[in-house]
Amino acid sequence: MNIDKQIRVLVKEEFEKQLGEIHEQISSLSLRIDDVEREHGNKWNLILKLRKHTIDELMAEYSKIKGEMHQTSEEQAET
């Protein structure tokens, strides 16, 4: 085998090795990104559920107070 061919083989092997390492790093990063996105997604879902629950409670309280005020207004109008 001549020297040029040997160099090409060695360079090709080194590039393949480095590409394999880069591929592993990218795969690892991709998995970590998926985990972070899932974790943040869960947090956002919890925040949105809490917000909706709070708004529902506030609306129920508003309706209750509004009903009481309406009833009080009707009683005052009757007297």
C-alpha atoms as a PDB file:
ATOM      1  CA  MET A   1       0.000   0.000   0.000  1.00  0.00           C
ATOM      2  CA  ASN A   2       1.412   3.379  -0.892  1.00  0.00           C
ATOM      3  CA  ILE A   3       1.755   6.201   1.626  1.00  0.00           C
ATOM      4  CA  ASP A   4      -1.098   8.325   0.184  1.00  0.00           C
ATOM      5  CA  LYS A   5      -3.559   5.468   0.491  1.00  0.00           C
ATOM      6  CA  GLN A   6      -2.441   4.736   4.065  1.00  0.00           C
ATOM      7  CA  ILE A   7      -2.890   8.402   5.010  1.00  0.00           C
ATOM      8  CA  ARG A   8      -6.361   8.439   3.467  1.00  0.00           C
ATOM      9  CA  VAL A   9      -7.351   5.306   5.393  1.00  0.00           C
ATOM     10  CA  LEU A  10      -6.034   6.752   8.670  1.00  0.00           C
ATOM     11  CA  VAL A  11      -7.747  10.114   8.078  1.00  0.00           C
ATOM     12  CA  LYS A  12     -11.004   8.370   7.145  1.00  0.00           C
ATOM     13  CA  GLU A  13     -10.872   6.221  10.283  1.00  0.00           C
ATOM     14  CA  GLU A  14     -10.195   9.272  12.471  1.00  0.00           C
ATOM     15  CA  PHE A  15     -13.047  11.231  10.851  1.00  0.00           C
ATOM     16  CA  GLU A  16     -15.428   8.306  11.346  1.00  0.00           C
ATOM     17  CA  LYS A  17     -14.365   8.052  14.987  1.00  0.00           C
ATOM     18  CA  GLN A  18     -14.900  11.779  15.543  1.00  0.00           C
ATOM     19  CA  LEU A  19     -18.245  11.699  13.713  1.00  0.00           C
ATOM     20  CA  GLY A  20     -19.340   8.832  15.941  1.00  0.00           C
ATOM     21  CA  GLU A  21     -18.411  10.836  19.058  1.00  0.00           C
ATOM     22  CA  ILE A  22     -20.231  13.903  17.730  1.00  0.00           C
ATOM     23  CA  HIS A  23     -23.288  11.768  16.985  1.00  0.00           C
ATOM     24  CA  GLU A  24     -23.272  10.439  20.555  1.00  0.00           C
ATOM     25  CA  GLN A  25     -22.982  13.981  21.962  1.00  0.00           C
ATOM     26  CA  ILE A  26     -25.846  15.212  19.795  1.00  0.00           C
ATOM     27  CA  SER A  27     -28.004  12.255  20.831  1.00  0.00           C
ATOM     28  CA  SER A  28     -27.246  12.938  24.490  1.00  0.00           C
ATOM     29  CA  LEU A  29     -28.089  16.630  24.101  1.00  0.00           C
ATOM     30  CA  SER A  30     -31.286  15.774  22.270  1.00  0.00           C
ATOM     31  CA  LEU A  31     -32.391  13.524  25.135  1.00  0.00           C
ATOM     32  CA  ARG A  32     -31.574  16.223  27.682  1.00  0.00           C
ATOM     33  CA  ILE A  33     -33.530  18.796  25.675  1.00  0.00           C
ATOM     34  CA  ASP A  34     -36.521  16.437  25.534  1.00  0.00           C
ATOM     35  CA  ASP A  35     -36.344  15.984  29.313  1.00  0.00           C
ATOM     36  CA  VAL A  36     -36.204  19.743  29.910  1.00  0.00           C
ATOM     37  CA  GLU A  37     -39.095  20.384  27.519  1.00  0.00           C
ATOM     38  CA  ARG A  38     -41.168  17.683  29.205  1.00  0.00           C
ATOM     39  CA  GLU A  39     -40.372  19.083  32.659  1.00  0.00           C
ATOM     40  CA  HIS A  40     -41.249  22.632  31.629  1.00  0.00           C
ATOM     41  CA  GLY A  41     -44.367  21.399  29.852  1.00  0.00           C
ATOM     42  CA  ASN A  42     -45.521  19.716  33.043  1.00  0.00           C
ATOM     43  CA  LYS A  43     -44.855  22.884  35.038  1.00  0.00           C
ATOM     44  CA  TRP A  44     -46.785  25.014  32.535  1.00  0.00           C
ATOM     45  CA  ASN A  45     -49.703  22.588  32.593  1.00  0.00           C
ATOM     46  CA  LEU A  46     -49.811  22.769  36.383  1.00  0.00           C
ATOM     47  CA  ILE A  47     -49.654  26.566  36.321  1.00  0.00           C
ATOM     48  CA  LEU A  48     -52.440  26.756  33.748  1.00  0.00           C
ATOM     49  CA  LYS A  49     -54.613  24.335  35.720  1.00  0.00           C
ATOM     50  CA  LEU A  50     -54.049  26.354  38.890  1.00  0.00           C
ATOM     51  CA  ARG A  51     -54.858  29.580  37.048  1.00  0.00           C
ATOM     52  CA  LYS A  52     -58.065  28.130  35.601  1.00  0.00           C
ATOM     53  CA  HIS A  53     -59.085  26.759  39.009  1.00  0.00           C
ATOM     54  CA  THR A  54     -58.432  30.165  40.610  1.00  0.00           C
ATOM     55  CA  ILE A  55     -60.408  31.986  37.918  1.00  0.00           C
ATOM     56  CA  ASP A  56     -63.287  29.515  38.305  1.00  0.00           C
ATOM     57  CA  GLU A  57     -63.304  30.085  42.073  1.00  0.00           C
ATOM     58  CA  LEU A  58     -63.245  33.865  41.611  1.00  0.00           C
ATOM     59  CA  MET A  59     -66.109  33.712  39.113  1.00  0.00           C
ATOM     60  CA  ALA A  60     -68.145  31.525  41.495  1.00  0.00           C
ATOM     61  CA  GLU A  61     -67.519  33.975  44.339  1.00  0.00           C
ATOM     62  CA  TYR A  62     -68.425  36.903  42.055  1.00  0.00           C
ATOM     63  CA  SER A  63     -71.689  35.207  41.053  1.00  0.00           C
ATOM     64  CA  LYS A  64     -72.499  34.525  44.705  1.00  0.00           C
ATOM     65  CA  ILE A  65     -71.862  38.125  45.748  1.00  0.00           C
ATOM     66  CA  LYS A  66     -73.728  39.461  42.721  1.00  0.00           C
ATOM     67  CA  GLY A  67     -76.719  37.263  43.609  1.00  0.00           C
ATOM     68  CA  GLU A  68     -76.640  38.451  47.208  1.00  0.00           C
ATOM     69  CA  MET A  69     -76.444  42.090  46.087  1.00  0.00           C
ATOM     70  CA  HIS A  70     -79.319  41.590  43.669  1.00  0.00           C
ATOM     71  CA  GLN A  71     -81.401  39.974  46.404  1.00  0.00           C
ATOM     72  CA  THR A  72     -80.570  42.827  48.797  1.00  0.00           C
ATOM     73  CA  SER A  73     -81.544  45.381  46.138  1.00  0.00           C
ATOM     74  CA  GLU A  74     -84.872  43.630  45.597  1.00  0.00           C
ATOM     75  CA  GLU A  75     -85.565  43.575  49.366  1.00  0.00           C
ATOM     76  CA  GLN A  76     -84.772  47.292  49.632  1.00  0.00           C
ATOM     77  CA  ALA A  77     -87.009  48.057  46.691  1.00  0.00           C
ATOM     78  CA  GLU A  78     -89.907  46.170  48.324  1.00  0.00           C
ATOM     79  CA  THR A  79     -89.662  48.200  51.529  1.00  0.00           C
END
